[in-house]
Amino acid sequence: MSADLPDELLDVEVEADAEDLDPDATTERPDDAPREQEDEETERFVIFHIGEKPFAVSVDAVKSIVKVSERTRVPRTSPAIDGIMDLRGDITAVIEPRVHFRVDADPAPFERQRIIVFDRTADKQGVGIRVDGVDGVEVFPLRQIVPDDHAEAADASHPLVNAVIRRVEDDEVTERIGLLDIKGLIKASGQDATA
């Protein structure tokens, strides 16, 4: 999948203008802006919440975002599998992330919940994760992404978090967003031994 958002992403807005995402676009910058930020590498992430905890996945890993619909519970599956659903003719397993993450808050109202469907190869069953809400797509400089082995213990305290995205405003970290390990989540949910 390309870095451009597919049409299937519902209810997700990109916070940056298209011009901001085009590396060839010429934009004026204030004279006092540091020159090194001009060529800074960035990556786009879908930001979502499970309870009050913010998480992110790369836009490249997302096939679509859909409203929660009827799911069929499958007997003798992992408790982390919320059920399966028919998504445009494809059977898609839906993971319940609350099994893996300690979340004290009640689930969001049904109409706010979404399923983020991951982009997987055609030979693997479709998989999605049910989340309490999708905040949108945001662009972060790579320097704000800290791998879990370099993050503070409180930032990356879960084995299904690869890294921490630090949202910085006025040179201060205002929020820490866990970058979800999609393959690890799928494997931990018992959905795919090879993820």
Protein backbone atom coordinates (compact mmCIF):
# COMPACT_ATOMS: atom_id res chain seq x y z
CA MET A 1 0.00 0.00 0.00
CA SER A 2 1.30 3.46 -0.76
CA ALA A 3 1.72 6.13 1.87
CA ASP A 4 -1.35 7.88 0.43
CA LEU A 5 -4.53 7.22 2.32
CA PRO A 6 -6.84 4.75 0.62
CA ASP A 7 -10.45 5.69 0.01
CA GLU A 8 -11.56 2.98 2.44
CA LEU A 9 -10.33 4.88 5.51
CA LEU A 10 -13.55 6.18 7.01
CA ASP A 11 -13.94 9.04 9.45
CA VAL A 12 -10.21 9.77 9.42
CA GLU A 13 -8.90 13.20 8.64
CA VAL A 14 -5.33 14.11 7.88
CA GLU A 15 -4.25 17.00 10.07
CA ALA A 16 -1.57 18.20 7.65
CA ASP A 17 -2.41 19.73 4.30
CA ALA A 18 -1.53 17.71 1.21
CA GLU A 19 1.15 20.31 0.46
CA ASP A 20 2.78 19.51 3.83
CA LEU A 21 3.05 15.86 2.86
CA ASP A 22 4.55 16.45 -0.58
CA PRO A 23 8.33 16.40 -0.26
CA ASP A 24 8.71 18.26 -3.57
CA ALA A 25 6.40 21.10 -2.58
CA THR A 26 8.09 24.42 -1.95
CA THR A 27 6.93 26.30 1.08
CA GLU A 28 8.13 29.45 2.68
CA ARG A 29 9.58 29.18 6.14
CA PRO A 30 10.28 31.87 8.68
CA ASP A 31 13.90 33.06 8.68
CA ASP A 32 14.33 31.94 12.28
CA ALA A 33 13.17 28.34 11.59
CA PRO A 34 15.99 25.79 11.83
CA ARG A 35 17.16 24.59 8.43
CA GLU A 36 17.60 20.95 9.54
CA GLN A 37 13.84 20.56 10.08
CA GLU A 38 13.28 21.28 6.38
CA ASP A 39 14.75 17.92 5.32
CA GLU A 40 13.54 15.98 8.34
CA GLU A 41 12.09 12.54 7.64
CA THR A 42 8.54 11.98 8.79
CA GLU A 43 6.06 9.14 8.99
CA ARG A 44 2.27 9.09 9.09
CA PHE A 45 0.35 7.25 11.79
CA VAL A 46 -3.27 6.44 12.52
CA ILE A 47 -3.85 7.60 16.12
CA PHE A 48 -6.52 5.80 18.15
CA HIS A 49 -7.58 5.15 21.73
CA ILE A 50 -8.20 2.04 23.75
CA GLY A 51 -9.89 3.45 26.81
CA GLU A 52 -7.98 6.63 27.60
CA LYS A 53 -4.65 5.26 26.33
CA PRO A 54 -3.45 6.60 22.96
CA PHE A 55 -1.88 4.20 20.46
CA ALA A 56 -0.67 4.44 16.88
CA VAL A 57 -0.04 2.25 13.85
CA SER A 58 1.65 3.22 10.62
CA VAL A 59 -0.73 4.30 7.85
CA ASP A 60 1.07 1.81 5.60
CA ALA A 61 -0.12 -1.06 7.84
CA VAL A 62 -3.80 -0.08 7.60
CA LYS A 63 -6.08 -1.43 4.90
CA SER A 64 -9.24 0.30 6.11
CA ILE A 65 -11.11 1.67 9.10
CA VAL A 66 -14.73 0.59 9.40
CA LYS A 67 -17.60 1.10 11.78
CA VAL A 68 -18.19 -1.75 14.18
CA SER A 69 -20.82 -4.09 12.81
CA GLU A 70 -22.21 -7.46 13.74
CA ARG A 71 -19.57 -10.01 14.61
CA THR A 72 -19.93 -13.76 15.04
CA ARG A 73 -18.24 -15.28 18.08
CA VAL A 74 -16.32 -18.45 17.21
CA PRO A 75 -16.33 -21.20 19.85
CA ARG A 76 -12.99 -22.35 21.30
CA THR A 77 -11.04 -19.34 20.06
CA SER A 78 -8.78 -17.17 22.15
CA PRO A 79 -10.56 -14.71 24.46
CA ALA A 80 -8.70 -12.00 22.54
CA ILE A 81 -10.72 -12.78 19.41
CA ASP A 82 -13.91 -10.72 19.63
CA GLY A 83 -15.37 -12.59 16.66
CA ILE A 84 -15.30 -12.63 12.90
CA MET A 85 -17.10 -10.40 10.42
CA ASP A 86 -17.77 -10.34 6.72
CA LEU A 87 -15.97 -7.30 5.35
CA ARG A 88 -16.74 -6.83 1.66
CA GLY A 89 -16.72 -10.58 1.08
CA ASP A 90 -13.60 -11.31 3.17
CA ILE A 91 -13.82 -13.02 6.56
CA THR A 92 -11.97 -10.79 9.02
CA ALA A 93 -11.07 -11.74 12.59
CA VAL A 94 -11.61 -8.93 15.10
CA ILE A 95 -9.19 -8.65 18.04
CA GLU A 96 -10.35 -7.29 21.40
CA PRO A 97 -7.28 -5.36 22.64
CA ARG A 98 -8.59 -4.98 26.21
CA VAL A 99 -7.53 -8.59 26.78
CA HIS A 100 -3.89 -7.51 26.29
CA PHE A 101 -3.89 -3.98 27.72
CA ARG A 102 -4.99 -3.02 31.20
CA VAL A 103 -7.77 -0.53 30.54
CA ASP A 104 -9.86 0.74 33.44
CA ALA A 105 -12.32 2.79 31.40
CA ASP A 106 -15.50 1.27 29.99
CA PRO A 107 -15.61 0.78 26.22
CA ALA A 108 -16.70 3.80 24.21
CA PRO A 109 -20.28 3.96 22.97
CA PHE A 110 -20.87 1.55 20.11
CA GLU A 111 -21.29 4.36 17.54
CA ARG A 112 -17.79 5.75 18.33
CA GLN A 113 -15.98 2.41 18.15
CA ARG A 114 -14.11 1.48 14.99
CA ILE A 115 -12.29 -1.53 13.61
CA ILE A 116 -8.86 -0.86 12.15
CA VAL A 117 -8.28 -3.54 9.52
CA PHE A 118 -4.64 -4.32 8.88
CA ASP A 119 -3.13 -4.64 5.41
CA ARG A 120 -1.91 -8.24 5.15
CA THR A 121 -0.80 -10.44 2.29
CA ALA A 122 -3.55 -12.17 0.35
CA ASP A 123 -2.61 -15.60 1.70
CA LYS A 124 -3.39 -14.59 5.29
CA GLN A 125 -6.79 -14.11 6.90
CA GLY A 126 -7.87 -10.52 7.40
CA VAL A 127 -7.42 -9.17 10.93
CA GLY A 128 -8.61 -6.01 12.58
CA ILE A 129 -8.58 -4.48 16.03
CA ARG A 130 -11.62 -2.96 17.76
CA VAL A 131 -10.77 0.44 19.21
CA ASP A 132 -12.73 3.00 21.22
CA GLY A 133 -12.17 5.74 18.69
CA VAL A 134 -9.91 6.93 15.90
CA ASP A 135 -8.49 10.41 16.39
CA GLY A 136 -7.08 10.78 12.89
CA VAL A 137 -3.89 10.58 10.90
CA GLU A 138 -0.89 12.57 12.06
CA VAL A 139 2.59 13.16 10.73
CA PHE A 140 5.51 12.86 13.17
CA PRO A 141 9.23 13.47 12.62
CA LEU A 142 11.25 10.28 13.07
CA ARG A 143 13.24 11.94 15.86
CA GLN A 144 10.07 11.89 18.01
CA ILE A 145 9.80 8.08 17.73
CA VAL A 146 11.77 6.36 20.48
CA PRO A 147 12.32 2.56 20.22
CA ASP A 148 11.12 0.66 23.29
CA ASP A 149 14.65 -0.28 24.34
CA HIS A 150 15.58 3.44 24.50
CA ALA A 151 12.34 4.71 26.02
CA GLU A 152 11.81 5.30 29.69
CA ALA A 153 10.33 2.27 31.46
CA ALA A 154 6.97 3.98 31.98
CA ASP A 155 6.72 4.88 28.28
CA ALA A 156 7.18 1.40 26.81
CA SER A 157 5.99 -0.77 29.65
CA HIS A 158 4.07 -3.24 27.50
CA PRO A 159 5.51 -6.02 25.32
CA LEU A 160 3.10 -5.17 22.48
CA VAL A 161 4.46 -1.63 22.21
CA ASN A 162 7.44 -1.34 19.78
CA ALA A 163 8.20 2.30 20.39
CA VAL A 164 6.85 5.50 21.84
CA ILE A 165 5.88 8.52 19.78
CA ARG A 166 6.46 11.64 21.80
CA ARG A 167 4.13 14.47 20.86
CA VAL A 168 6.18 17.64 21.33
CA GLU A 169 4.79 21.16 21.60
CA ASP A 170 6.99 24.14 22.47
CA ASP A 171 9.98 21.81 23.04
CA GLU A 172 8.09 19.85 25.73
CA VAL A 173 6.70 16.34 25.55
CA THR A 174 2.93 16.73 25.97
CA GLU A 175 1.83 13.17 25.23
CA ARG A 176 3.31 9.72 24.77
CA ILE A 177 1.64 7.48 22.20
CA GLY A 178 2.39 3.75 22.13
CA LEU A 179 3.35 2.43 18.69
CA LEU A 180 1.54 -0.89 18.52
CA ASP A 181 3.39 -4.07 17.50
CA ILE A 182 0.80 -5.40 15.04
CA LYS A 183 2.52 -8.75 14.38
CA GLY A 184 3.00 -9.28 18.11
CA LEU A 185 -0.65 -8.44 18.80
CA ILE A 186 -1.87 -10.88 16.15
CA LYS A 187 0.39 -13.62 17.48
CA ALA A 188 -0.50 -12.95 21.14
CA SER A 189 -4.18 -13.14 20.22
CA GLY A 190 -3.68 -16.67 18.86
CA GLN A 191 -4.82 -15.61 15.41
CA ASP A 192 -1.69 -16.37 13.45
CA ALA A 193 1.33 -18.38 14.57
CA THR A 194 3.53 -16.72 11.96
CA ALA A 195 1.91 -13.25 12.17
